[in-house]
Amino acid sequence: MKILNFASDFKKVIFPCNITIGVFDGLHLGHRLILKKLKEKKGLSIVITFENHPLDILNPEIKIKTIYNLDEKLELLKSFDIDMVVLIKFSKKFASLSYLDFLKELKNRFAFKYLVVGDDVKIGKNQEGNKDKIKSLENVLDFKTEFIEKVKYENKVISSNWIRELIDEKNYSLVSKLLNKKVKKWQKINQLISLAE
């Protein structure tokens, strides 16, 4: 798996490729479905994600607890046989980029044919780039979008926020199911917190 920095100067990817965009904090069952659909497309699979959590910049008073750190996230993405990961350092400047300019920039750098994202996607300044607006750009920028429905567990939508709540509640059994992974990491962290208290 090749790892590139969005800010770095690299040559345009001219090979047939397909992309997805997201924070991918946790790589839970919903994220896994997006990656599976991405891999099913013909061409290179490219994940565009962030070095830091966007809320660190957009809402810094919310001290977001990441489920996985960057190294762990990259290791997990590697296990999905992703061809390339492009890291973006989320900043105020990046947050001011419109969804149109962002997608134009992505199209400039990657000759992508498919954009695979969750159907609640929101990209660009003020999160204005929703499903309808992205769909309206398909003919303009020459790509197709596959919107993936949210994955549910017992009628509740799986989200990173929910998983963070479950970790706080020490419900490791359910966390394990939603991440499809053993979760000894948070057990150890919470044991250390308990000892400190």
Foldseek 3Di string as FASTA:
>chain_A
DAEAEPPDDDAAAPKEAEEEEDACQLCWPQVVVLLVVRVVDPIAYEYEHEQDDLCCAVPVVPPDDGNDHPVVSVVVVVVSVHPYYYYYHHHPVQLQFAPVNVVVVVCVRYVYAEYEEAQQQFDHHVSPCHPVNVCVCCVVSPHYYDHDYFDDDPPHGDDPVVLVVCLVVVVQVVNCNRSVHRDVPSVVVVVVVVVVD
